[in-house]
Amino acid sequence: MSNNDQSSAISQPDQPGADDARRFGLMVRARRKAQGLRQEDLASATGVGRRYIVDMENGKPTLRIGPALMIARFLGIVPMVEHALRAPQDSNLPDIIPEDLPDDLPPLED
């Protein structure tokens, strides 16, 4: 895939999850900069490649979720799934989240 193909794949708003990926990337970039970290610093601290950080901050919707969650946790970003555990369950949705998760989950690792 050429650089032009990659750029268009990253910015395609009709790709499932593209808007969420773009907003997540912007949030990660803002938090990283607010903490005075360079992309290289974040990559080194979390053990991922700088290319992954660049792709994530640019909103690439096909990135692996494990490293993204690890980076979010490192920056102090709390994924919504943790909030969903505390929210009342919608009776129309299947109960897919176990109710007996421990409060002190271990750090995410890839």
Protein backbone atom coordinates (compact mmCIF):
# COMPACT_ATOMS: atom_id res chain seq x y z
CA MET A 1 0.00 0.00 0.00
CA SER A 2 1.45 3.38 -0.98
CA ASN A 3 1.62 6.38 1.34
CA ASN A 4 -1.32 7.94 -0.51
CA ASP A 5 -3.36 4.78 0.00
CA GLN A 6 -2.45 4.70 3.69
CA SER A 7 -3.38 8.36 4.16
CA SER A 8 -6.74 7.91 2.50
CA ALA A 9 -7.42 4.73 4.51
CA ILE A 10 -6.71 6.58 7.74
CA SER A 11 -8.98 9.50 6.91
CA GLN A 12 -11.95 7.60 5.46
CA PRO A 13 -14.88 8.70 7.65
CA ASP A 14 -17.13 5.93 6.32
CA GLN A 15 -14.84 3.19 7.62
CA PRO A 16 -16.39 1.63 10.77
CA GLY A 17 -14.99 3.32 13.86
CA ALA A 18 -13.16 6.03 11.89
CA ASP A 19 -14.74 8.95 13.75
CA ASP A 20 -14.08 7.36 17.13
CA ALA A 21 -10.50 6.53 16.14
CA ARG A 22 -9.91 10.12 15.02
CA ARG A 23 -11.34 11.57 18.26
CA PHE A 24 -9.35 9.08 20.34
CA GLY A 25 -6.16 9.99 18.49
CA LEU A 26 -6.76 13.70 19.06
CA MET A 27 -7.37 13.04 22.76
CA VAL A 28 -4.15 11.01 23.06
CA ARG A 29 -2.16 13.71 21.24
CA ALA A 30 -3.57 16.47 23.47
CA ARG A 31 -2.86 14.50 26.66
CA ARG A 32 0.66 13.61 25.51
CA LYS A 33 1.47 17.23 24.70
CA ALA A 34 -0.09 18.46 27.96
CA GLN A 35 2.31 16.15 29.79
CA GLY A 36 5.25 17.51 27.80
CA LEU A 37 5.99 14.20 26.11
CA ARG A 38 7.30 13.73 22.58
CA GLN A 39 6.03 10.83 20.51
CA GLU A 40 9.43 9.19 21.00
CA ASP A 41 9.07 9.56 24.78
CA LEU A 42 5.65 7.93 24.78
CA ALA A 43 6.81 5.12 22.51
CA SER A 44 9.81 4.43 24.73
CA ALA A 45 7.78 4.55 27.95
CA THR A 46 5.11 2.16 26.66
CA GLY A 47 7.26 -0.15 24.54
CA VAL A 48 5.49 0.49 21.25
CA GLY A 49 7.00 1.85 18.07
CA ARG A 50 6.80 5.54 17.23
CA ARG A 51 4.97 4.60 14.00
CA TYR A 52 2.15 3.16 16.14
CA ILE A 53 1.91 6.45 18.08
CA VAL A 54 1.83 8.44 14.82
CA ASP A 55 -0.88 6.20 13.35
CA MET A 56 -2.95 6.32 16.54
CA GLU A 57 -2.76 10.10 16.83
CA ASN A 58 -3.77 10.37 13.16
CA GLY A 59 -6.87 8.28 13.82
CA LYS A 60 -6.04 5.05 12.03
CA PRO A 61 -9.10 2.89 12.84
CA THR A 62 -7.43 -0.50 12.24
CA LEU A 63 -4.79 -0.37 14.98
CA ARG A 64 -4.57 -3.15 17.56
CA ILE A 65 -6.52 -2.22 20.67
CA GLY A 66 -4.14 -3.65 23.30
CA PRO A 67 -1.34 -1.14 22.79
CA ALA A 68 -3.88 1.69 22.42
CA LEU A 69 -5.41 0.87 25.80
CA MET A 70 -1.98 0.57 27.39
CA ILE A 71 -1.01 4.01 26.03
CA ALA A 72 -4.31 5.49 27.19
CA ARG A 73 -3.79 4.12 30.69
CA PHE A 74 -0.22 5.46 30.75
CA LEU A 75 -1.53 8.94 29.87
CA GLY A 76 -4.32 8.74 32.45
CA ILE A 77 -7.15 8.28 29.95
CA VAL A 78 -9.89 6.02 31.33
CA PRO A 79 -11.60 3.87 28.68
CA MET A 80 -15.40 4.08 28.62
CA VAL A 81 -15.69 0.36 29.25
CA GLU A 82 -14.73 1.04 32.88
CA HIS A 83 -17.56 3.58 33.11
CA ALA A 84 -19.95 1.06 31.54
CA LEU A 85 -19.29 -1.33 34.40
CA ARG A 86 -20.74 1.23 36.81
CA ALA A 87 -23.70 2.24 34.60
CA PRO A 88 -27.11 0.58 34.93
CA GLN A 89 -27.46 -2.29 32.48
CA ASP A 90 -29.79 -1.78 29.52
CA SER A 91 -32.30 -4.63 29.72
CA ASN A 92 -32.31 -4.90 25.91
CA LEU A 93 -28.58 -5.66 25.74
CA PRO A 94 -27.06 -9.05 26.50
CA ASP A 95 -25.04 -9.21 29.69
CA ILE A 96 -21.59 -9.49 28.11
CA ILE A 97 -19.57 -7.76 30.83
CA PRO A 98 -19.00 -9.91 33.91
CA GLU A 99 -20.25 -8.27 37.10
CA ASP A 100 -17.50 -9.74 39.29
CA LEU A 101 -14.46 -7.97 37.82
CA PRO A 102 -11.89 -6.94 40.44
CA ASP A 103 -11.45 -3.23 41.14
CA ASP A 104 -7.67 -3.41 40.82
CA LEU A 105 -7.06 -4.90 37.38
CA PRO A 106 -3.41 -5.47 36.46
CA PRO A 107 -1.78 -3.15 33.92
CA LEU A 108 -2.59 -3.89 30.30
CA GLU A 109 0.17 -5.68 28.47
CA ASP A 110 0.43 -6.58 24.85
